[in-house]
């Protein structure tokens, strides 16, 4: 089953934020962003970093 990151992309749009900014703020790799774009699984560590960047 593919993961859905639609809520994350909606959050970025609502906050008028670019994916590059997310990459820098969450300190995740561009490879992880590409995996998120494709709906593939990413590590819990990366998801945790994204959550901490937006709290």
PDB file of N, CA and C in Angstrom:
ATOM      1  N   UNK A   1       0.832  -1.173   0.000  1.00  0.00           N
ATOM      2  CA  UNK A   1       0.000   0.000   0.000  1.00  0.00           C
ATOM      3  C   UNK A   1       0.883   1.246   0.000  1.00  0.00           C
ATOM      4  N   UNK A   2       0.580   2.173  -0.901  1.00  0.00           N
ATOM      5  CA  UNK A   2       1.343   3.415  -0.971  1.00  0.00           C
ATOM      6  C   UNK A   2       0.911   4.366   0.136  1.00  0.00           C
ATOM      7  N   UNK A   3       1.852   5.101   0.630  1.00  0.00           N
ATOM      8  CA  UNK A   3       1.554   6.119   1.637  1.00  0.00           C
ATOM      9  C   UNK A   3       1.017   7.363   0.942  1.00  0.00           C
ATOM     10  N   UNK A   4       0.201   8.108   1.647  1.00  0.00           N
ATOM     11  CA  UNK A   4      -0.340   9.348   1.100  1.00  0.00           C
ATOM     12  C   UNK A   4       0.175  10.518   1.943  1.00  0.00           C
ATOM     13  N   UNK A   5       0.754  11.466   1.276  1.00  0.00           N
ATOM     14  CA  UNK A   5       1.289  12.641   1.960  1.00  0.00           C
ATOM     15  C   UNK A   5       0.513  13.893   1.547  1.00  0.00           C
ATOM     16  N   UNK A   6      -0.740  13.722   1.150  1.00  0.00           N
ATOM     17  CA  UNK A   6      -1.564  14.840   0.689  1.00  0.00           C
ATOM     18  C   UNK A   6      -1.713  15.916   1.755  1.00  0.00           C
ATOM     19  N   UNK A   7      -1.852  15.508   3.000  1.00  0.00           N
ATOM     20  CA  UNK A   7      -1.991  16.495   4.083  1.00  0.00           C
ATOM     21  C   UNK A   7      -0.724  17.338   4.237  1.00  0.00           C
ATOM     22  N   UNK A   8       0.417  16.706   4.051  1.00  0.00           N
ATOM     23  CA  UNK A   8       1.680  17.447   4.125  1.00  0.00           C
ATOM     24  C   UNK A   8       1.749  18.476   3.013  1.00  0.00           C
ATOM     25  N   UNK A   9       1.405  18.072   1.780  1.00  0.00           N
ATOM     26  CA  UNK A   9       1.465  19.009   0.653  1.00  0.00           C
ATOM     27  C   UNK A   9       0.445  20.130   0.839  1.00  0.00           C
ATOM     28  N   UNK A  10      -0.719  19.812   1.400  1.00  0.00           N
ATOM     29  CA  UNK A  10      -1.729  20.844   1.649  1.00  0.00           C
ATOM     30  C   UNK A  10      -1.221  21.829   2.697  1.00  0.00           C
ATOM     31  N   UNK A  11      -0.559  21.308   3.729  1.00  0.00           N
ATOM     32  CA  UNK A  11       0.022  22.168   4.757  1.00  0.00           C
ATOM     33  C   UNK A  11       1.048  23.118   4.151  1.00  0.00           C
ATOM     34  N   UNK A  12       1.894  22.614   3.265  1.00  0.00           N
ATOM     35  CA  UNK A  12       2.893  23.456   2.613  1.00  0.00           C
ATOM     36  C   UNK A  12       2.220  24.552   1.786  1.00  0.00           C
ATOM     37  N   UNK A  13       1.154  24.203   1.074  1.00  0.00           N
ATOM     38  CA  UNK A  13       0.432  25.190   0.269  1.00  0.00           C
ATOM     39  C   UNK A  13      -0.221  26.229   1.170  1.00  0.00           C
ATOM     40  N   UNK A  14      -0.867  25.782   2.242  1.00  0.00           N
ATOM     41  CA  UNK A  14      -1.535  26.712   3.159  1.00  0.00           C
ATOM     42  C   UNK A  14      -0.553  27.680   3.803  1.00  0.00           C
ATOM     43  N   UNK A  15       0.650  27.202   4.092  1.00  0.00           N
ATOM     44  CA  UNK A  15       1.669  28.061   4.707  1.00  0.00           C
ATOM     45  C   UNK A  15       2.527  28.775   3.676  1.00  0.00           C
ATOM     46  N   UNK A  16       2.194  28.595   2.389  1.00  0.00           N
ATOM     47  CA  UNK A  16       2.933  29.199   1.283  1.00  0.00           C
ATOM     48  C   UNK A  16       4.428  28.880   1.397  1.00  0.00           C
ATOM     49  N   UNK A  17       4.700  27.588   1.571  1.00  0.00           N
ATOM     50  CA  UNK A  17       6.056  27.096   1.766  1.00  0.00           C
ATOM     51  C   UNK A  17       6.468  26.215   0.594  1.00  0.00           C
ATOM     52  N   UNK A  18       7.712  26.314   0.209  1.00  0.00           N
ATOM     53  CA  UNK A  18       8.261  25.479  -0.862  1.00  0.00           C
ATOM     54  C   UNK A  18       8.877  24.212  -0.281  1.00  0.00           C
ATOM     55  N   UNK A  19       8.987  23.199  -1.107  1.00  0.00           N
ATOM     56  CA  UNK A  19       9.579  21.932  -0.668  1.00  0.00           C
ATOM     57  C   UNK A  19      11.040  22.109  -0.302  1.00  0.00           C
ATOM     58  N   UNK A  20      11.708  23.037  -0.958  1.00  0.00           N
ATOM     59  CA  UNK A  20      13.117  23.298  -0.635  1.00  0.00           C
ATOM     60  C   UNK A  20      13.245  23.828   0.799  1.00  0.00           C
ATOM     61  N   UNK A  21      12.298  24.659   1.210  1.00  0.00           N
ATOM     62  CA  UNK A  21      12.302  25.188   2.567  1.00  0.00           C
ATOM     63  C   UNK A  21      12.085  24.051   3.567  1.00  0.00           C
ATOM     64  N   UNK A  22      11.172  23.140   3.239  1.00  0.00           N
ATOM     65  CA  UNK A  22      10.932  21.974   4.087  1.00  0.00           C
ATOM     66  C   UNK A  22      12.216  21.160   4.224  1.00  0.00           C
ATOM     67  N   UNK A  23      12.892  20.950   3.125  1.00  0.00           N
ATOM     68  CA  UNK A  23      14.137  20.195   3.109  1.00  0.00           C
ATOM     69  C   UNK A  23      15.157  20.823   4.056  1.00  0.00           C
ATOM     70  N   UNK A  24      15.275  22.140   4.015  1.00  0.00           N
ATOM     71  CA  UNK A  24      16.253  22.842   4.854  1.00  0.00           C
ATOM     72  C   UNK A  24      15.830  22.853   6.321  1.00  0.00           C
ATOM     73  N   UNK A  25      14.558  23.145   6.601  1.00  0.00           N
ATOM     74  CA  UNK A  25      14.090  23.251   7.978  1.00  0.00           C
ATOM     75  C   UNK A  25      14.072  21.913   8.707  1.00  0.00           C
ATOM     76  N   UNK A  26      13.703  20.863   7.995  1.00  0.00           N
ATOM     77  CA  UNK A  26      13.617  19.545   8.623  1.00  0.00           C
ATOM     78  C   UNK A  26      14.939  18.789   8.565  1.00  0.00           C
ATOM     79  N   UNK A  27      15.911  19.304   7.867  1.00  0.00           N
ATOM     80  CA  UNK A  27      17.220  18.652   7.716  1.00  0.00           C
ATOM     81  C   UNK A  27      17.084  17.228   7.181  1.00  0.00           C
ATOM     82  N   UNK A  28      16.306  17.095   6.106  1.00  0.00           N
ATOM     83  CA  UNK A  28      16.175  15.800   5.446  1.00  0.00           C
ATOM     84  C   UNK A  28      16.800  15.900   4.062  1.00  0.00           C
ATOM     85  N   UNK A  29      17.057  14.769   3.460  1.00  0.00           N
ATOM     86  CA  UNK A  29      17.743  14.754   2.170  1.00  0.00           C
ATOM     87  C   UNK A  29      16.771  14.986   1.019  1.00  0.00           C
ATOM     88  N   UNK A  30      17.313  15.388  -0.109  1.00  0.00           N
ATOM     89  CA  UNK A  30      16.483  15.572  -1.300  1.00  0.00           C
ATOM     90  C   UNK A  30      15.927  14.227  -1.768  1.00  0.00           C
ATOM     91  N   UNK A  31      16.647  13.155  -1.480  1.00  0.00           N
ATOM     92  CA  UNK A  31      16.164  11.812  -1.806  1.00  0.00           C
ATOM     93  C   UNK A  31      14.865  11.511  -1.056  1.00  0.00           C
ATOM     94  N   UNK A  32      14.793  11.936   0.206  1.00  0.00           N
ATOM     95  CA  UNK A  32      13.572  11.729   1.000  1.00  0.00           C
ATOM     96  C   UNK A  32      12.417  12.543   0.429  1.00  0.00           C
ATOM     97  N   UNK A  33      12.687  13.754  -0.027  1.00  0.00           N
ATOM     98  CA  UNK A  33      11.639  14.577  -0.636  1.00  0.00           C
ATOM     99  C   UNK A  33      11.123  13.899  -1.899  1.00  0.00           C
ATOM    100  N   UNK A  34      12.025  13.333  -2.693  1.00  0.00           N
ATOM    101  CA  UNK A  34      11.601  12.625  -3.910  1.00  0.00           C
ATOM    102  C   UNK A  34      10.741  11.415  -3.566  1.00  0.00           C
ATOM    103  N   UNK A  35      11.107  10.705  -2.513  1.00  0.00           N
ATOM    104  CA  UNK A  35      10.306   9.560  -2.097  1.00  0.00           C
ATOM    105  C   UNK A  35       8.925  10.017  -1.624  1.00  0.00           C
ATOM    106  N   UNK A  36       8.874  11.130  -0.920  1.00  0.00           N
ATOM    107  CA  UNK A  36       7.586  11.683  -0.485  1.00  0.00           C
ATOM    108  C   UNK A  36       6.734  12.058  -1.694  1.00  0.00           C
ATOM    109  N   UNK A  37       7.348  12.656  -2.700  1.00  0.00           N
ATOM    110  CA  UNK A  37       6.621  13.044  -3.917  1.00  0.00           C
ATOM    111  C   UNK A  37       5.988  11.839  -4.599  1.00  0.00           C
ATOM    112  N   UNK A  38       6.689  10.727  -4.578  1.00  0.00           N
ATOM    113  CA  UNK A  38       6.208   9.515  -5.253  1.00  0.00           C
ATOM    114  C   UNK A  38       5.281   8.682  -4.385  1.00  0.00           C
ATOM    115  N   UNK A  39       5.091   9.094  -3.126  1.00  0.00           N
ATOM    116  CA  UNK A  39       4.234   8.342  -2.223  1.00  0.00           C
ATOM    117  C   UNK A  39       4.884   7.086  -1.687  1.00  0.00           C
ATOM    118  N   UNK A  40       6.202   7.045  -1.724  1.00  0.00           N
ATOM    119  CA  UNK A  40       6.933   5.883  -1.220  1.00  0.00           C
ATOM    120  C   UNK A  40       7.179   6.030   0.281  1.00  0.00           C
ATOM    121  N   UNK A  41       7.568   4.942   0.907  1.00  0.00           N
ATOM    122  CA  UNK A  41       7.836   4.963   2.338  1.00  0.00           C
ATOM    123  C   UNK A  41       9.138   5.701   2.632  1.00  0.00           C
ATOM    124  N   UNK A  42       9.121   6.462   3.713  1.00  0.00           N
ATOM    125  CA  UNK A  42      10.325   7.128   4.215  1.00  0.00           C
ATOM    126  C   UNK A  42      10.512   6.681   5.658  1.00  0.00           C
ATOM    127  N   UNK A  43      11.659   6.954   6.211  1.00  0.00           N
ATOM    128  CA  UNK A  43      11.944   6.514   7.576  1.00  0.00           C
ATOM    129  C   UNK A  43      11.137   7.323   8.590  1.00  0.00           C
ATOM    130  N   UNK A  44      10.895   6.707   9.727  1.00  0.00           N
ATOM    131  CA  UNK A  44      10.197   7.395  10.816  1.00  0.00           C
ATOM    132  C   UNK A  44      11.032   8.567  11.305  1.00  0.00           C
ATOM    133  N   UNK A  45      12.334   8.457  11.198  1.00  0.00           N
ATOM    134  CA  UNK A  45      13.220   9.549  11.599  1.00  0.00           C
ATOM    135  C   UNK A  45      12.941  10.789  10.747  1.00  0.00           C
ATOM    136  N   UNK A  46      12.812  10.601   9.430  1.00  0.00           N
ATOM    137  CA  UNK A  46      12.514  11.724   8.538  1.00  0.00           C
ATOM    138  C   UNK A  46      11.134  12.314   8.827  1.00  0.00           C
ATOM    139  N   UNK A  47      10.157  11.460   9.068  1.00  0.00           N
ATOM    140  CA  UNK A  47       8.812  11.950   9.386  1.00  0.00           C
ATOM    141  C   UNK A  47       8.823  12.724  10.698  1.00  0.00           C
ATOM    142  N   UNK A  48       9.588  12.252  11.659  1.00  0.00           N
ATOM    143  CA  UNK A  48       9.711  12.967  12.932  1.00  0.00           C
ATOM    144  C   UNK A  48      10.349  14.334  12.754  1.00  0.00           C
ATOM    145  N   UNK A  49      11.356  14.419  11.902  1.00  0.00           N
ATOM    146  CA  UNK A  49      12.014  15.695  11.651  1.00  0.00           C
ATOM    147  C   UNK A  49      11.046  16.678  10.986  1.00  0.00           C
ATOM    148  N   UNK A  50      10.234  16.171  10.068  1.00  0.00           N
ATOM    149  CA  UNK A  50       9.247  17.032   9.410  1.00  0.00           C
ATOM    150  C   UNK A  50       8.237  17.550  10.440  1.00  0.00           C
ATOM    151  N   UNK A  51       7.777  16.668  11.312  1.00  0.00           N
ATOM    152  CA  UNK A  51       6.822  17.080  12.344  1.00  0.00           C
ATOM    153  C   UNK A  51       7.431  18.136  13.261  1.00  0.00           C
ATOM    154  N   UNK A  52       8.660  17.936  13.668  1.00  0.00           N
ATOM    155  CA  UNK A  52       9.313  18.902  14.574  1.00  0.00           C
ATOM    156  C   UNK A  52       9.534  20.251  13.884  1.00  0.00           C
ATOM    157  N   UNK A  53       9.713  20.249  12.587  1.00  0.00           N
ATOM    158  CA  UNK A  53       9.937  21.500  11.864  1.00  0.00           C
ATOM    159  C   UNK A  53       8.668  22.357  11.813  1.00  0.00           C
ATOM    160  N   UNK A  54       7.497  21.724  11.976  1.00  0.00           N
ATOM    161  CA  UNK A  54       6.236  22.452  11.859  1.00  0.00           C
ATOM    162  C   UNK A  54       5.479  22.551  13.179  1.00  0.00           C
ATOM    163  N   UNK A  55       6.143  22.295  14.294  1.00  0.00           N
ATOM    164  CA  UNK A  55       5.487  22.455  15.599  1.00  0.00           C
ATOM    165  C   UNK A  55       5.807  23.815  16.151  1.00  0.00           C
TER     166      UNK A  55
END
